[in-house]
Structures are given as C-alpha cells and as structure tokens.
Amino acid sequence: MSETSLPHKIIGVAAIWNDRQQILIDKRRNEGLMAGLWEFPGGKLEPGETVEECIQREIMEELGIEIAVGDRLTTIDHTYSHFRVTLIVHNCYHVKGEPMPIECAEIRWVNLDELDRYSFPEANIEIINILRQRESNK
C-alpha cells in the first residue's frame, strides 16, 4: 500500500503544563492501537474545527479539565504501517479542574527529565525531543 493511500488522521495534541513546570501525560487503554503506551493527550480534528478548538474539546472530553491553548510547538508527520498521522502540537496551560482519566487508563504530571521512564508511540518521541530543546534554550 502506498503512503498516499493510507488513512490520514490530523490530530491536535496538547503539551499541558502546570504551574510546577510539569507536563501531563496519559496512558492509553489496554486495547486497540498502541495499547498501554503513554502519550500527550489530544484527538482527531473534526470538520470545521480549528486545531485550538479541537485541543480544548478533546482535553475536556478526555480529562475533564479546562486549558488555555498557547503557541504551536511543532507539526509532525509520521507514517505507521496502517495509517499516517499529522500531529499538530501546542503548548497548553492548565486553567482549572482536576484531570481525570475519562478516556484513558491513567494520567500523570511529570517533569521533562522523567519522560524516559515511560513508553511512548514513535511519533511522540519527536515531541519529547522538541520540548527538551526548548527547555535547554531558555
């Protein structure tokens, strides 16, 4: 199957920071694609929705919290064996609410240097590297 004929998903992804400079990650449920891996929360862009609206909606649905969507961190195109994804990643800030694992197995606030302890899907590794680069340039 050629790369162009693979299903393509556009995903809004949130790098959510709290006031202690920790970032929120969630663990995928134990069934389906990439089961049990950790990821940065987000979801599929709906027709007619901006990336920022998508991220806010997905985070409310998945974690039950309100966030402020900040600047775009990066855009990553990644091809897995059965589909392609475009991850549009924004820095986001926790505004209110206690995060709950509504659509995932578990959630955790972690420091950037703790991310190596968790298993992420391939496309997320690039996000981690960019977050670290930005942090070291501060």
Foldseek 3Di string as FASTA:
>chain_A
DDQVPFAEFEKEFEQEAEPVQWTKKFAADQDDPPHGAIAGWIGTDDPPDDSQRRRQVRQCQQWVFGKAWAAWQDWDWDDDPRHIYIYTYTYIYTDDDDTDRNRHDDMDTGHLVCPVVGGHPPRRVVVSVSVVVVVVVD
